[in-house]
PDB file of N, CA and C in Angstrom:
ATOM      1  N   MET A   1     -27.209   7.174 -17.730  1.00  0.00           N
ATOM      2  CA  MET A   1     -26.908   8.110 -18.257  1.00  0.00           C
ATOM      3  C   MET A   1     -26.182   7.400 -19.429  1.00  0.00           C
ATOM      4  N   ASP A   2     -26.608   8.146 -20.581  1.00  0.00           N
ATOM      5  CA  ASP A   2     -25.769   7.574 -21.458  1.00  0.00           C
ATOM      6  C   ASP A   2     -24.460   7.799 -21.950  1.00  0.00           C
ATOM      7  N   LEU A   3     -23.669   7.087 -22.771  1.00  0.00           N
ATOM      8  CA  LEU A   3     -22.611   7.356 -23.215  1.00  0.00           C
ATOM      9  C   LEU A   3     -21.670   8.689 -23.416  1.00  0.00           C
ATOM     10  N   ALA A   4     -22.834   9.378 -23.643  1.00  0.00           N
ATOM     11  CA  ALA A   4     -22.553  10.952 -24.213  1.00  0.00           C
ATOM     12  C   ALA A   4     -22.331  11.676 -23.233  1.00  0.00           C
ATOM     13  N   GLU A   5     -23.279  11.712 -22.161  1.00  0.00           N
ATOM     14  CA  GLU A   5     -23.609  12.465 -21.186  1.00  0.00           C
ATOM     15  C   GLU A   5     -22.507  11.858 -20.498  1.00  0.00           C
ATOM     16  N   PHE A   6     -21.873  10.605 -20.546  1.00  0.00           N
ATOM     17  CA  PHE A   6     -20.865  10.203 -19.597  1.00  0.00           C
ATOM     18  C   PHE A   6     -19.651  11.484 -19.565  1.00  0.00           C
ATOM     19  N   ILE A   7     -19.305  11.104 -20.979  1.00  0.00           N
ATOM     20  CA  ILE A   7     -18.252  11.836 -21.828  1.00  0.00           C
ATOM     21  C   ILE A   7     -17.882  12.950 -21.576  1.00  0.00           C
ATOM     22  N   LYS A   8     -18.985  14.132 -22.198  1.00  0.00           N
ATOM     23  CA  LYS A   8     -19.523  15.172 -21.658  1.00  0.00           C
ATOM     24  C   LYS A   8     -18.979  15.241 -19.767  1.00  0.00           C
ATOM     25  N   GLU A   9     -19.812  14.479 -19.013  1.00  0.00           N
ATOM     26  CA  GLU A   9     -19.437  14.902 -18.171  1.00  0.00           C
ATOM     27  C   GLU A   9     -17.885  14.403 -17.244  1.00  0.00           C
ATOM     28  N   VAL A  10     -17.189  13.778 -17.724  1.00  0.00           N
ATOM     29  CA  VAL A  10     -15.725  13.530 -17.827  1.00  0.00           C
ATOM     30  C   VAL A  10     -15.320  14.386 -18.249  1.00  0.00           C
ATOM     31  N   GLY A  11     -15.361  15.293 -19.368  1.00  0.00           N
ATOM     32  CA  GLY A  11     -14.341  16.245 -19.444  1.00  0.00           C
ATOM     33  C   GLY A  11     -14.660  17.023 -21.262  1.00  0.00           C
ATOM     34  N   GLY A  12     -15.509  16.276 -21.497  1.00  0.00           N
ATOM     35  CA  GLY A  12     -15.821  16.331 -22.515  1.00  0.00           C
ATOM     36  C   GLY A  12     -14.552  16.146 -23.704  1.00  0.00           C
ATOM     37  N   GLY A  13     -15.262  16.317 -25.096  1.00  0.00           N
ATOM     38  CA  GLY A  13     -14.615  16.361 -26.364  1.00  0.00           C
ATOM     39  C   GLY A  13     -13.737  15.041 -26.234  1.00  0.00           C
ATOM     40  N   LEU A  14     -12.430  15.752 -27.276  1.00  0.00           N
ATOM     41  CA  LEU A  14     -11.898  14.211 -27.239  1.00  0.00           C
ATOM     42  C   LEU A  14     -11.022  13.848 -26.138  1.00  0.00           C
ATOM     43  N   ALA A  15     -10.432  14.271 -25.145  1.00  0.00           N
ATOM     44  CA  ALA A  15      -9.863  13.988 -23.820  1.00  0.00           C
ATOM     45  C   ALA A  15     -10.970  13.155 -23.112  1.00  0.00           C
ATOM     46  N   GLY A  16     -12.555  13.868 -22.918  1.00  0.00           N
ATOM     47  CA  GLY A  16     -13.673  12.809 -22.494  1.00  0.00           C
ATOM     48  C   GLY A  16     -13.937  11.550 -23.341  1.00  0.00           C
ATOM     49  N   VAL A  17     -12.981  11.135 -24.342  1.00  0.00           N
ATOM     50  CA  VAL A  17     -13.319  10.426 -25.653  1.00  0.00           C
ATOM     51  C   VAL A  17     -12.548   9.484 -24.890  1.00  0.00           C
ATOM     52  N   VAL A  18     -10.984  10.095 -24.526  1.00  0.00           N
ATOM     53  CA  VAL A  18      -9.908   9.335 -24.366  1.00  0.00           C
ATOM     54  C   VAL A  18     -10.099   8.734 -22.697  1.00  0.00           C
ATOM     55  N   ILE A  19     -10.145   8.909 -22.376  1.00  0.00           N
ATOM     56  CA  ILE A  19     -10.688   8.603 -20.867  1.00  0.00           C
ATOM     57  C   ILE A  19     -11.937   7.680 -21.217  1.00  0.00           C
ATOM     58  N   VAL A  20     -12.982   7.934 -21.088  1.00  0.00           N
ATOM     59  CA  VAL A  20     -14.022   6.441 -21.610  1.00  0.00           C
ATOM     60  C   VAL A  20     -13.399   5.729 -21.878  1.00  0.00           C
ATOM     61  N   VAL A  21     -12.629   5.770 -23.006  1.00  0.00           N
ATOM     62  CA  VAL A  21     -12.415   4.677 -23.764  1.00  0.00           C
ATOM     63  C   VAL A  21     -10.903   3.600 -23.080  1.00  0.00           C
ATOM     64  N   GLN A  22     -10.195   4.767 -22.645  1.00  0.00           N
ATOM     65  CA  GLN A  22      -9.058   3.867 -21.557  1.00  0.00           C
ATOM     66  C   GLN A  22      -9.666   3.344 -20.577  1.00  0.00           C
ATOM     67  N   GLY A  23     -10.390   3.758 -19.836  1.00  0.00           N
ATOM     68  CA  GLY A  23     -10.961   3.456 -18.442  1.00  0.00           C
ATOM     69  C   GLY A  23     -11.581   1.385 -19.123  1.00  0.00           C
ATOM     70  N   TRP A  24     -12.393   2.065 -20.021  1.00  0.00           N
ATOM     71  CA  TRP A  24     -13.319   0.463 -20.708  1.00  0.00           C
ATOM     72  C   TRP A  24     -12.270  -0.264 -20.738  1.00  0.00           C
ATOM     73  N   PHE A  25     -10.711   0.009 -21.817  1.00  0.00           N
ATOM     74  CA  PHE A  25      -9.786  -1.245 -22.037  1.00  0.00           C
ATOM     75  C   PHE A  25      -9.251  -1.334 -20.655  1.00  0.00           C
ATOM     76  N   ASN A  26      -8.759  -0.861 -19.876  1.00  0.00           N
ATOM     77  CA  ASN A  26      -8.553  -0.802 -18.293  1.00  0.00           C
ATOM     78  C   ASN A  26      -9.511  -2.281 -18.347  1.00  0.00           C
ATOM     79  N   TRP A  27     -10.979  -1.850 -17.783  1.00  0.00           N
ATOM     80  CA  TRP A  27     -11.811  -2.703 -17.265  1.00  0.00           C
ATOM     81  C   TRP A  27     -11.637  -4.014 -17.947  1.00  0.00           C
ATOM     82  N   ILE A  28     -11.375  -4.537 -19.499  1.00  0.00           N
ATOM     83  CA  ILE A  28     -11.066  -5.342 -20.322  1.00  0.00           C
ATOM     84  C   ILE A  28     -10.079  -6.015 -19.761  1.00  0.00           C
ATOM     85  N   GLN A  29      -9.042  -4.912 -19.395  1.00  0.00           N
ATOM     86  CA  GLN A  29      -7.747  -5.455 -18.945  1.00  0.00           C
ATOM     87  C   GLN A  29      -8.024  -6.617 -17.664  1.00  0.00           C
ATOM     88  N   TYR A  30      -8.586  -5.498 -16.556  1.00  0.00           N
ATOM     89  CA  TYR A  30      -8.231  -6.148 -15.502  1.00  0.00           C
ATOM     90  C   TYR A  30      -9.234  -7.913 -15.719  1.00  0.00           C
ATOM     91  N   LYS A  31     -10.724  -7.908 -16.468  1.00  0.00           N
ATOM     92  CA  LYS A  31     -11.170  -8.533 -16.134  1.00  0.00           C
ATOM     93  C   LYS A  31     -10.589 -10.324 -16.856  1.00  0.00           C
ATOM     94  N   ARG A  32      -9.713  -9.210 -17.894  1.00  0.00           N
ATOM     95  CA  ARG A  32      -9.127 -10.815 -18.584  1.00  0.00           C
ATOM     96  C   ARG A  32      -7.529 -11.187 -17.689  1.00  0.00           C
ATOM     97  N   ASN A  33      -8.223 -10.442 -16.949  1.00  0.00           N
ATOM     98  CA  ASN A  33      -6.258 -11.041 -15.953  1.00  0.00           C
ATOM     99  C   ASN A  33      -6.862 -12.090 -14.979  1.00  0.00           C
ATOM    100  N   SER A  34      -7.907 -11.454 -14.259  1.00  0.00           N
ATOM    101  CA  SER A  34      -8.852 -11.819 -13.522  1.00  0.00           C
ATOM    102  C   SER A  34      -9.093 -13.807 -13.876  1.00  0.00           C
ATOM    103  N   GLU A  35      -9.438 -13.993 -15.445  1.00  0.00           N
ATOM    104  CA  GLU A  35      -9.682 -14.573 -15.527  1.00  0.00           C
ATOM    105  C   GLU A  35      -8.418 -15.626 -15.586  1.00  0.00           C
ATOM    106  N   LEU A  36      -7.656 -14.900 -16.176  1.00  0.00           N
ATOM    107  CA  LEU A  36      -6.271 -15.669 -16.657  1.00  0.00           C
ATOM    108  C   LEU A  36      -5.604 -16.449 -15.442  1.00  0.00           C
ATOM    109  N   GLN A  37      -6.034 -15.459 -14.185  1.00  0.00           N
ATOM    110  CA  GLN A  37      -5.265 -16.005 -12.500  1.00  0.00           C
ATOM    111  C   GLN A  37      -5.927 -16.990 -12.243  1.00  0.00           C
ATOM    112  N   ASP A  38      -7.200 -17.301 -12.833  1.00  0.00           N
ATOM    113  CA  ASP A  38      -8.405 -18.272 -12.455  1.00  0.00           C
ATOM    114  C   ASP A  38      -7.976 -19.435 -12.686  1.00  0.00           C
ATOM    115  N   LYS A  39      -7.515 -19.471 -14.088  1.00  0.00           N
ATOM    116  CA  LYS A  39      -6.782 -20.459 -15.135  1.00  0.00           C
ATOM    117  C   LYS A  39      -5.980 -20.648 -14.576  1.00  0.00           C
ATOM    118  N   MET A  40      -4.924 -19.809 -14.234  1.00  0.00           N
ATOM    119  CA  MET A  40      -3.449 -20.129 -13.616  1.00  0.00           C
ATOM    120  C   MET A  40      -3.442 -21.186 -12.123  1.00  0.00           C
ATOM    121  N   LEU A  41      -4.626 -20.931 -11.075  1.00  0.00           N
ATOM    122  CA  LEU A  41      -4.990 -21.500 -10.193  1.00  0.00           C
ATOM    123  C   LEU A  41      -5.515 -22.738 -10.634  1.00  0.00           C
ATOM    124  N   ALA A  42      -6.137 -22.914 -11.236  1.00  0.00           N
ATOM    125  CA  ALA A  42      -6.900 -23.975 -11.206  1.00  0.00           C
ATOM    126  C   ALA A  42      -5.694 -24.979 -12.211  1.00  0.00           C
ATOM    127  N   MET A  43      -4.949 -24.443 -12.704  1.00  0.00           N
ATOM    128  CA  MET A  43      -3.537 -25.482 -13.111  1.00  0.00           C
ATOM    129  C   MET A  43      -2.533 -26.010 -12.262  1.00  0.00           C
ATOM    130  N   ALA A  44      -2.482 -24.935 -11.023  1.00  0.00           N
ATOM    131  CA  ALA A  44      -1.881 -24.936 -10.147  1.00  0.00           C
ATOM    132  C   ALA A  44      -2.283 -26.502  -9.456  1.00  0.00           C
ATOM    133  N   GLU A  45      -3.444 -25.737  -8.677  1.00  0.00           N
ATOM    134  CA  GLU A  45      -4.248 -26.566  -7.952  1.00  0.00           C
ATOM    135  C   GLU A  45      -4.194 -28.551  -8.964  1.00  0.00           C
ATOM    136  N   THR A  46      -4.524 -28.370 -10.136  1.00  0.00           N
ATOM    137  CA  THR A  46      -4.495 -29.544 -10.853  1.00  0.00           C
ATOM    138  C   THR A  46      -2.720 -30.533 -10.589  1.00  0.00           C
ATOM    139  N   SER A  47      -1.886 -29.742 -10.955  1.00  0.00           N
ATOM    140  CA  SER A  47      -0.271 -30.200 -10.522  1.00  0.00           C
ATOM    141  C   SER A  47      -0.512 -30.322  -9.685  1.00  0.00           C
ATOM    142  N   VAL A  48      -0.856 -30.080  -8.614  1.00  0.00           N
ATOM    143  CA  VAL A  48      -0.594 -30.380  -7.198  1.00  0.00           C
ATOM    144  C   VAL A  48      -1.262 -31.284  -6.627  1.00  0.00           C
ATOM    145  N   LYS A  49      -2.138 -31.480  -6.999  1.00  0.00           N
ATOM    146  CA  LYS A  49      -3.589 -33.214  -7.086  1.00  0.00           C
ATOM    147  C   LYS A  49      -2.588 -34.163  -7.636  1.00  0.00           C
ATOM    148  N   GLU A  50      -1.724 -33.759  -8.894  1.00  0.00           N
ATOM    149  CA  GLU A  50      -1.415 -35.270  -9.740  1.00  0.00           C
ATOM    150  C   GLU A  50       0.155 -35.362  -9.487  1.00  0.00           C
ATOM    151  N   SER A  51       0.728 -34.137  -8.642  1.00  0.00           N
ATOM    152  CA  SER A  51       1.764 -34.765  -7.763  1.00  0.00           C
ATOM    153  C   SER A  51       2.084 -35.047  -6.926  1.00  0.00           C
ATOM    154  N   ARG A  52       0.723 -34.928  -5.903  1.00  0.00           N
ATOM    155  CA  ARG A  52       0.795 -35.656  -4.861  1.00  0.00           C
ATOM    156  C   ARG A  52       0.115 -36.679  -5.113  1.00  0.00           C
ATOM    157  N   ASP A  53      -0.448 -37.086  -6.519  1.00  0.00           N
ATOM    158  CA  ASP A  53      -1.027 -38.867  -6.790  1.00  0.00           C
ATOM    159  C   ASP A  53      -0.159 -39.563  -7.533  1.00  0.00           C
ATOM    160  N   LEU A  54       1.150 -38.993  -7.940  1.00  0.00           N
ATOM    161  CA  LEU A  54       1.959 -39.589  -8.492  1.00  0.00           C
ATOM    162  C   LEU A  54       3.195 -39.978  -6.827  1.00  0.00           C
ATOM    163  N   LEU A  55       3.154 -38.894  -6.261  1.00  0.00           N
ATOM    164  CA  LEU A  55       4.131 -39.689  -5.107  1.00  0.00           C
ATOM    165  C   LEU A  55       3.404 -40.533  -4.063  1.00  0.00           C
ATOM    166  N   THR A  56       1.958 -40.707  -4.106  1.00  0.00           N
ATOM    167  CA  THR A  56       1.057 -41.972  -3.291  1.00  0.00           C
ATOM    168  C   THR A  56       1.314 -42.662  -4.043  1.00  0.00           C
ATOM    169  N   ASP A  57       1.587 -42.984  -5.361  1.00  0.00           N
ATOM    170  CA  ASP A  57       1.688 -44.100  -6.417  1.00  0.00           C
ATOM    171  C   ASP A  57       3.242 -44.684  -6.435  1.00  0.00           C
ATOM    172  N   THR A  58       4.401 -43.507  -6.176  1.00  0.00           N
ATOM    173  CA  THR A  58       5.769 -44.050  -5.690  1.00  0.00           C
ATOM    174  C   THR A  58       5.563 -44.532  -4.653  1.00  0.00           C
ATOM    175  N   ASN A  59       4.799 -43.882  -3.174  1.00  0.00           N
ATOM    176  CA  ASN A  59       5.295 -44.469  -2.124  1.00  0.00           C
ATOM    177  C   ASN A  59       4.384 -46.072  -1.692  1.00  0.00           C
ATOM    178  N   ARG A  60       3.749 -46.442  -3.168  1.00  0.00           N
ATOM    179  CA  ARG A  60       2.995 -47.643  -2.639  1.00  0.00           C
ATOM    180  C   ARG A  60       3.492 -48.267  -3.851  1.00  0.00           C
ATOM    181  N   THR A  61       4.548 -48.379  -4.428  1.00  0.00           N
ATOM    182  CA  THR A  61       5.433 -49.206  -5.397  1.00  0.00           C
ATOM    183  C   THR A  61       6.332 -49.201  -4.403  1.00  0.00           C
ATOM    184  N   THR A  62       6.977 -48.045  -3.697  1.00  0.00           N
ATOM    185  CA  THR A  62       8.282 -48.591  -2.979  1.00  0.00           C
ATOM    186  C   THR A  62       7.696 -49.525  -2.026  1.00  0.00           C
ATOM    187  N   SER A  63       6.135 -49.473  -1.080  1.00  0.00           N
ATOM    188  CA  SER A  63       6.018 -50.561  -0.195  1.00  0.00           C
ATOM    189  C   SER A  63       5.812 -51.658  -0.649  1.00  0.00           C
ATOM    190  N   ALA A  64       5.859 -51.428  -1.903  1.00  0.00           N
ATOM    191  CA  ALA A  64       5.621 -53.349  -2.280  1.00  0.00           C
ATOM    192  C   ALA A  64       6.804 -53.881  -2.845  1.00  0.00           C
ATOM    193  N   ASN A  65       7.127 -53.150  -3.632  1.00  0.00           N
ATOM    194  CA  ASN A  65       8.663 -53.372  -3.351  1.00  0.00           C
ATOM    195  C   ASN A  65       9.531 -54.151  -2.202  1.00  0.00           C
ATOM    196  N   THR A  66       9.206 -53.578  -1.255  1.00  0.00           N
ATOM    197  CA  THR A  66       9.565 -53.560  -0.145  1.00  0.00           C
ATOM    198  C   THR A  66       9.547 -54.682   0.721  1.00  0.00           C
ATOM    199  N   GLU A  67       8.423 -54.752   0.074  1.00  0.00           N
ATOM    200  CA  GLU A  67       7.419 -56.626   0.753  1.00  0.00           C
ATOM    201  C   GLU A  67       7.640 -57.564   0.188  1.00  0.00           C
ATOM    202  N   ILE A  68       7.969 -57.225  -1.241  1.00  0.00           N
ATOM    203  CA  ILE A  68       8.836 -58.158  -1.975  1.00  0.00           C
ATOM    204  C   ILE A  68       9.700 -59.054  -1.478  1.00  0.00           C
ATOM    205  N   MET A  69      10.858 -57.820  -1.569  1.00  0.00           N
ATOM    206  CA  MET A  69      12.213 -58.156  -0.860  1.00  0.00           C
ATOM    207  C   MET A  69      12.201 -59.020   0.307  1.00  0.00           C
ATOM    208  N   ARG A  70      10.902 -58.314   1.503  1.00  0.00           N
ATOM    209  CA  ARG A  70      11.617 -58.990   2.919  1.00  0.00           C
ATOM    210  C   ARG A  70      10.730 -60.550   2.689  1.00  0.00           C
ATOM    211  N   ARG A  71       9.977 -60.752   1.766  1.00  0.00           N
ATOM    212  CA  ARG A  71       9.372 -62.033   1.769  1.00  0.00           C
ATOM    213  C   ARG A  71      10.409 -62.772   0.953  1.00  0.00           C
ATOM    214  N   ALA A  72      11.331 -62.341   0.021  1.00  0.00           N
ATOM    215  CA  ALA A  72      12.372 -62.965  -0.414  1.00  0.00           C
ATOM    216  C   ALA A  72      13.599 -63.031   0.695  1.00  0.00           C
ATOM    217  N   VAL A  73      13.744 -61.845   0.909  1.00  0.00           N
ATOM    218  CA  VAL A  73      14.311 -62.861   2.032  1.00  0.00           C
ATOM    219  C   VAL A  73      14.077 -63.618   3.088  1.00  0.00           C
ATOM    220  N   GLN A  74      12.765 -63.965   3.792  1.00  0.00           N
ATOM    221  CA  GLN A  74      12.391 -64.718   4.231  1.00  0.00           C
ATOM    222  C   GLN A  74      12.873 -65.814   3.947  1.00  0.00           C
ATOM    223  N   LEU A  75      12.061 -66.207   3.215  1.00  0.00           N
ATOM    224  CA  LEU A  75      11.757 -67.208   2.285  1.00  0.00           C
ATOM    225  C   LEU A  75      13.212 -68.176   1.912  1.00  0.00           C
ATOM    226  N   LEU A  76      14.992 -66.785   1.629  1.00  0.00           N
ATOM    227  CA  LEU A  76      16.177 -67.566   1.305  1.00  0.00           C
ATOM    228  C   LEU A  76      16.260 -67.974   3.026  1.00  0.00           C
ATOM    229  N   GLU A  77      16.137 -67.123   3.998  1.00  0.00           N
ATOM    230  CA  GLU A  77      16.271 -67.329   5.226  1.00  0.00           C
ATOM    231  C   GLU A  77      15.353 -69.197   5.702  1.00  0.00           C
ATOM    232  N   ASP A  78      14.583 -69.149   4.912  1.00  0.00           N
ATOM    233  CA  ASP A  78      13.876 -70.483   5.905  1.00  0.00           C
ATOM    234  C   ASP A  78      14.411 -71.556   4.986  1.00  0.00           C
ATOM    235  N   ARG A  79      14.839 -71.458   3.899  1.00  0.00           N
ATOM    236  CA  ARG A  79      15.631 -72.636   3.035  1.00  0.00           C
ATOM    237  C   ARG A  79      17.032 -72.570   3.509  1.00  0.00           C
ATOM    238  N   ARG A  80      17.277 -71.753   3.960  1.00  0.00           N
ATOM    239  CA  ARG A  80      18.856 -71.746   5.113  1.00  0.00           C
ATOM    240  C   ARG A  80      18.850 -73.114   6.472  1.00  0.00           C
ATOM    241  N   ASP A  81      17.854 -72.412   6.561  1.00  0.00           N
ATOM    242  CA  ASP A  81      17.029 -72.945   8.123  1.00  0.00           C
ATOM    243  C   ASP A  81      17.023 -74.584   7.460  1.00  0.00           C
ATOM    244  N   GLU A  82      16.090 -74.527   6.789  1.00  0.00           N
ATOM    245  CA  GLU A  82      15.855 -75.956   6.207  1.00  0.00           C
ATOM    246  C   GLU A  82      17.322 -77.099   6.173  1.00  0.00           C
ATOM    247  N   ARG A  83      18.486 -76.363   5.226  1.00  0.00           N
ATOM    248  CA  ARG A  83      19.439 -77.019   4.674  1.00  0.00           C
ATOM    249  C   ARG A  83      19.804 -77.226   6.193  1.00  0.00           C
ATOM    250  N   ARG A  84      19.765 -76.352   7.088  1.00  0.00           N
ATOM    251  CA  ARG A  84      20.621 -76.431   8.274  1.00  0.00           C
ATOM    252  C   ARG A  84      20.374 -77.648   9.092  1.00  0.00           C
ATOM    253  N   LEU A  85      18.993 -77.467   9.050  1.00  0.00           N
ATOM    254  CA  LEU A  85      18.503 -78.829   9.671  1.00  0.00           C
ATOM    255  C   LEU A  85      18.934 -80.346   9.379  1.00  0.00           C
ATOM    256  N   LEU A  86      18.330 -80.641   7.555  1.00  0.00           N
ATOM    257  CA  LEU A  86      18.823 -81.371   7.009  1.00  0.00           C
ATOM    258  C   LEU A  86      20.300 -81.887   6.914  1.00  0.00           C
ATOM    259  N   GLU A  87      21.304 -80.883   7.315  1.00  0.00           N
ATOM    260  CA  GLU A  87      22.614 -81.378   7.227  1.00  0.00           C
ATOM    261  C   GLU A  87      23.166 -81.772   8.791  1.00  0.00           C
ATOM    262  N   ASP A  88      22.446 -81.246   9.625  1.00  0.00           N
ATOM    263  CA  ASP A  88      22.285 -81.433  11.482  1.00  0.00           C
ATOM    264  C   ASP A  88      22.017 -82.546  11.706  1.00  0.00           C
ATOM    265  N   ARG A  89      20.997 -83.824  10.841  1.00  0.00           N
ATOM    266  CA  ARG A  89      20.446 -84.783  10.921  1.00  0.00           C
ATOM    267  C   ARG A  89      21.484 -85.629  10.167  1.00  0.00           C
ATOM    268  N   ARG A  90      22.173 -85.408   9.388  1.00  0.00           N
ATOM    269  CA  ARG A  90      23.077 -86.495   8.520  1.00  0.00           C
ATOM    270  C   ARG A  90      24.244 -86.592   9.477  1.00  0.00           C
TER     271      ARG A  90
END
């Protein structure tokens, strides 16, 4: 079926042309909306991944800083204990 036959089938004349053109525009808009939704989904997935990666990096940094502080406290406690031993020997 060619376009002229289709227009005749939906009512013919100007009304048929309007119906066909409107249907075509609706199809284009639907297709474009679908493409935009796909892009938005991809952006959201990327954003979630980036947020997850950032949170993981933040947790690693916090963990490393906690370990540094734990070692610093341990070092200070060891020095304190050494001083006490030296004072006790005197």
